[in-house]
C-alpha atoms as a PDB file:
ATOM      1  CA  MET A   1     -37.601  13.555  40.016  1.00  0.00           C
ATOM      2  CA  SER A   2     -35.994  11.438  42.713  1.00  0.00           C
ATOM      3  CA  GLY A   3     -32.896  11.071  40.491  1.00  0.00           C
ATOM      4  CA  GLY A   4     -32.339  14.832  40.664  1.00  0.00           C
ATOM      5  CA  SER A   5     -32.784  14.743  44.417  1.00  0.00           C
ATOM      6  CA  VAL A   6     -30.177  12.022  44.851  1.00  0.00           C
ATOM      7  CA  SER A   7     -27.782  13.966  42.646  1.00  0.00           C
ATOM      8  CA  GLY A   8     -28.386  17.081  44.765  1.00  0.00           C
ATOM      9  CA  GLU A   9     -27.748  15.124  47.951  1.00  0.00           C
ATOM     10  CA  GLN A  10     -24.625  13.617  46.444  1.00  0.00           C
ATOM     11  CA  HIS A  11     -23.378  17.076  45.445  1.00  0.00           C
ATOM     12  CA  GLU A  12     -24.111  18.371  48.946  1.00  0.00           C
ATOM     13  CA  ASN A  13     -22.192  15.477  50.513  1.00  0.00           C
ATOM     14  CA  GLU A  14     -19.249  16.016  48.168  1.00  0.00           C
ATOM     15  CA  TYR A  15     -19.199  19.712  49.029  1.00  0.00           C
ATOM     16  CA  ARG A  16     -19.406  18.976  52.774  1.00  0.00           C
ATOM     17  CA  ASN A  17     -16.532  16.490  52.498  1.00  0.00           C
ATOM     18  CA  ALA A  18     -14.437  18.985  50.508  1.00  0.00           C
ATOM     19  CA  PHE A  19     -15.202  21.704  53.062  1.00  0.00           C
ATOM     20  CA  GLU A  20     -14.228  19.487  56.006  1.00  0.00           C
ATOM     21  CA  ARG A  21     -11.021  18.451  54.243  1.00  0.00           C
ATOM     22  CA  ALA A  22     -10.220  22.116  53.506  1.00  0.00           C
ATOM     23  CA  ILE A  23     -10.904  23.122  57.125  1.00  0.00           C
ATOM     24  CA  GLY A  24      -8.552  20.395  58.365  1.00  0.00           C
ATOM     25  CA  LEU A  25      -5.764  21.405  56.002  1.00  0.00           C
ATOM     26  CA  ALA A  26      -6.221  25.118  56.735  1.00  0.00           C
ATOM     27  CA  LEU A  27      -6.230  24.616  60.512  1.00  0.00           C
ATOM     28  CA  THR A  28      -3.142  22.416  60.333  1.00  0.00           C
ATOM     29  CA  ALA A  29      -1.327  25.025  58.233  1.00  0.00           C
ATOM     30  CA  ALA A  30      -2.349  27.881  60.560  1.00  0.00           C
ATOM     31  CA  GLY A  31      -1.441  25.837  63.631  1.00  0.00           C
ATOM     32  CA  THR A  32       1.959  25.101  62.129  1.00  0.00           C
ATOM     33  CA  VAL A  33       2.610  28.850  61.787  1.00  0.00           C
ATOM     34  CA  VAL A  34       1.920  29.254  65.526  1.00  0.00           C
ATOM     35  CA  TRP A  35       3.883  26.089  66.380  1.00  0.00           C
ATOM     36  CA  ASN A  36       6.921  27.391  64.476  1.00  0.00           C
ATOM     37  CA  GLU A  37       6.761  30.824  66.130  1.00  0.00           C
ATOM     38  CA  ILE A  38       6.603  29.282  69.594  1.00  0.00           C
ATOM     39  CA  ARG A  39       9.552  27.018  68.851  1.00  0.00           C
ATOM     40  CA  ARG A  40      11.484  30.029  67.503  1.00  0.00           C
ATOM     41  CA  SER A  41      10.679  31.883  70.730  1.00  0.00           C
ATOM     42  CA  LEU A  42      11.827  28.980  72.902  1.00  0.00           C
ATOM     43  CA  ARG A  43      15.042  28.362  70.971  1.00  0.00           C
ATOM     44  CA  GLY A  44      17.139  30.473  73.357  1.00  0.00           C
ATOM     45  CA  GLY A  45      15.652  28.943  76.491  1.00  0.00           C
ATOM     46  CA  TYR A  46      14.167  30.775  79.441  1.00  0.00           C
ATOM     47  CA  GLN A  47      16.109  33.539  81.139  1.00  0.00           C
ATOM     48  CA  SER A  48      16.182  33.870  84.898  1.00  0.00           C
ATOM     49  CA  SER A  49      16.273  37.131  86.810  1.00  0.00           C
ATOM     50  CA  LEU A  50      19.974  36.441  87.413  1.00  0.00           C
ATOM     51  CA  GLY A  51      20.646  36.661  83.687  1.00  0.00           C
ATOM     52  CA  ASN A  52      21.161  32.936  83.150  1.00  0.00           C
ATOM     53  CA  LYS A  53      19.923  33.091  79.579  1.00  0.00           C
ATOM     54  CA  GLY A  54      19.381  29.752  77.940  1.00  0.00           C
ATOM     55  CA  GLN A  55      20.302  27.608  80.912  1.00  0.00           C
ATOM     56  CA  PHE A  56      16.756  26.505  81.555  1.00  0.00           C
ATOM     57  CA  VAL A  57      14.924  23.765  79.661  1.00  0.00           C
ATOM     58  CA  THR A  58      15.908  24.603  76.086  1.00  0.00           C
ATOM     59  CA  GLY A  59      15.906  21.259  74.261  1.00  0.00           C
ATOM     60  CA  ALA A  60      13.051  19.676  76.167  1.00  0.00           C
ATOM     61  CA  SER A  61      10.848  22.738  75.785  1.00  0.00           C
ATOM     62  CA  LEU A  62      11.407  22.800  72.033  1.00  0.00           C
ATOM     63  CA  ALA A  63      10.755  19.092  71.675  1.00  0.00           C
ATOM     64  CA  HIS A  64       7.473  19.300  73.567  1.00  0.00           C
ATOM     65  CA  VAL A  65       5.627  22.009  71.652  1.00  0.00           C
ATOM     66  CA  THR A  66       2.585  20.096  70.456  1.00  0.00           C
ATOM     67  CA  LEU A  67       0.155  20.550  67.588  1.00  0.00           C
ATOM     68  CA  SER A  68      -3.076  18.579  67.649  1.00  0.00           C
ATOM     69  CA  THR A  69      -4.905  17.256  64.665  1.00  0.00           C
ATOM     70  CA  PRO A  70      -7.922  19.361  63.720  1.00  0.00           C
ATOM     71  CA  ARG A  71     -11.200  18.179  65.152  1.00  0.00           C
ATOM     72  CA  ARG A  72     -14.762  19.231  65.374  1.00  0.00           C
ATOM     73  CA  GLU A  73     -16.091  20.225  68.787  1.00  0.00           C
ATOM     74  CA  GLY A  74     -19.797  20.840  68.495  1.00  0.00           C
ATOM     75  CA  ASP A  75     -20.288  23.429  65.781  1.00  0.00           C
ATOM     76  CA  LYS A  76     -16.637  24.593  65.893  1.00  0.00           C
ATOM     77  CA  TRP A  77     -13.419  23.239  64.462  1.00  0.00           C
ATOM     78  CA  THR A  78     -10.263  23.469  66.551  1.00  0.00           C
ATOM     79  CA  VAL A  79      -6.566  22.818  66.440  1.00  0.00           C
ATOM     80  CA  ARG A  80      -4.502  23.158  69.607  1.00  0.00           C
ATOM     81  CA  VAL A  81      -0.929  24.306  70.012  1.00  0.00           C
ATOM     82  CA  GLY A  82       0.488  23.642  73.452  1.00  0.00           C
ATOM     83  CA  THR A  83       2.893  21.626  75.533  1.00  0.00           C
ATOM     84  CA  ASP A  84       2.819  18.574  77.717  1.00  0.00           C
ATOM     85  CA  LEU A  85       5.514  19.928  80.058  1.00  0.00           C
ATOM     86  CA  ASP A  86       4.300  21.603  83.235  1.00  0.00           C
ATOM     87  CA  TYR A  87       7.443  23.668  83.676  1.00  0.00           C
ATOM     88  CA  ASN A  88       6.796  25.523  80.424  1.00  0.00           C
ATOM     89  CA  LEU A  89       3.590  26.736  82.044  1.00  0.00           C
ATOM     90  CA  PHE A  90       5.470  27.590  85.259  1.00  0.00           C
ATOM     91  CA  TRP A  91       7.937  29.793  83.369  1.00  0.00           C
ATOM     92  CA  GLU A  92       5.104  31.470  81.462  1.00  0.00           C
ATOM     93  CA  VAL A  93       2.903  32.349  84.443  1.00  0.00           C
ATOM     94  CA  GLY A  94       5.675  32.593  87.050  1.00  0.00           C
ATOM     95  CA  HIS A  95       7.062  30.386  89.796  1.00  0.00           C
ATOM     96  CA  HIS A  96       9.432  30.408  92.759  1.00  0.00           C
ATOM     97  CA  ASN A  97      12.564  28.876  91.284  1.00  0.00           C
ATOM     98  CA  LEU A  98      14.460  26.422  93.492  1.00  0.00           C
ATOM     99  CA  PHE A  99      17.796  27.168  91.806  1.00  0.00           C
ATOM    100  CA  THR A 100      17.716  30.971  91.779  1.00  0.00           C
ATOM    101  CA  ARG A 101      15.615  31.203  94.951  1.00  0.00           C
ATOM    102  CA  ARG A 102      13.613  33.960  93.273  1.00  0.00           C
ATOM    103  CA  TYR A 103      10.293  34.435  91.607  1.00  0.00           C
ATOM    104  CA  GLU A 104      10.903  33.798  87.910  1.00  0.00           C
ATOM    105  CA  ARG A 105       8.749  34.553  84.906  1.00  0.00           C
ATOM    106  CA  ASP A 106       9.795  34.663  81.273  1.00  0.00           C
ATOM    107  CA  GLU A 107       6.863  34.865  78.892  1.00  0.00           C
ATOM    108  CA  LYS A 108       7.563  33.163  75.593  1.00  0.00           C
ATOM    109  CA  TRP A 109       4.218  31.664  74.594  1.00  0.00           C
ATOM    110  CA  VAL A 110       1.847  34.640  74.770  1.00  0.00           C
ATOM    111  CA  PRO A 111       4.126  36.961  72.778  1.00  0.00           C
ATOM    112  CA  ALA A 112       4.669  34.183  70.216  1.00  0.00           C
ATOM    113  CA  PHE A 113       0.911  33.635  69.882  1.00  0.00           C
ATOM    114  CA  ARG A 114       0.443  37.370  69.355  1.00  0.00           C
ATOM    115  CA  ARG A 115       3.169  37.545  66.697  1.00  0.00           C
ATOM    116  CA  ALA A 116       1.782  34.506  64.883  1.00  0.00           C
ATOM    117  CA  ARG A 117      -1.868  35.556  64.889  1.00  0.00           C
ATOM    118  CA  SER A 118      -1.939  37.551  61.634  1.00  0.00           C
ATOM    119  CA  PRO A 119       0.336  35.216  59.648  1.00  0.00           C
ATOM    120  CA  ALA A 120      -1.649  32.200  60.874  1.00  0.00           C
ATOM    121  CA  LEU A 121      -4.929  33.796  59.848  1.00  0.00           C
ATOM    122  CA  ALA A 122      -3.522  34.691  56.408  1.00  0.00           C
ATOM    123  CA  THR A 123      -2.279  31.117  56.010  1.00  0.00           C
ATOM    124  CA  PHE A 124      -5.671  29.735  57.018  1.00  0.00           C
ATOM    125  CA  ARG A 125      -7.459  31.925  54.482  1.00  0.00           C
ATOM    126  CA  SER A 126      -5.004  31.085  51.700  1.00  0.00           C
ATOM    127  CA  VAL A 127      -5.229  27.318  52.223  1.00  0.00           C
ATOM    128  CA  MET A 128      -9.002  27.419  52.609  1.00  0.00           C
ATOM    129  CA  ASP A 129      -9.369  29.430  49.405  1.00  0.00           C
ATOM    130  CA  ARG A 130      -7.043  27.163  47.452  1.00  0.00           C
ATOM    131  CA  GLU A 131      -8.725  23.975  48.622  1.00  0.00           C
ATOM    132  CA  MET A 132     -12.272  25.196  47.983  1.00  0.00           C
ATOM    133  CA  LYS A 133     -11.305  26.347  44.488  1.00  0.00           C
ATOM    134  CA  ARG A 134      -9.758  22.954  43.893  1.00  0.00           C
ATOM    135  CA  ALA A 135     -13.001  21.311  44.996  1.00  0.00           C
ATOM    136  CA  GLY A 136     -15.019  23.566  42.705  1.00  0.00           C
ATOM    137  CA  GLY A 137     -16.606  25.424  45.613  1.00  0.00           C
ATOM    138  CA  GLY A 138     -15.476  28.933  44.726  1.00  0.00           C
ATOM    139  CA  GLY A 139     -13.542  30.952  47.253  1.00  0.00           C
END
């Protein structure tokens, strides 16, 4: 009887490992959809109220869109898309610009997140389904 129990535990562990692997792959794929949309949004640079389109922080902003590795936080799994540049935040929420001497705000991130939401969710579901079928867990 204990042999069946060990086999059941082994199967449960294999399923848990497959599930965690699938979650990681699905979150990375979904995060990449968002990451790409943000980079697409930033490609033209920020535009000031004076019409200086693309003269503000184009290359650096693109190069500093970050995507974390998936990780478990309590009972939730997360992946984070963001930036390590403060001035991207300043442009998004608004700031008094030293060059234009005006209040400047050019939202790129929030609209990109909104546009990417449905495609990212579809990507997550597709990858999760594929990986769980591959692991023999249905889908």
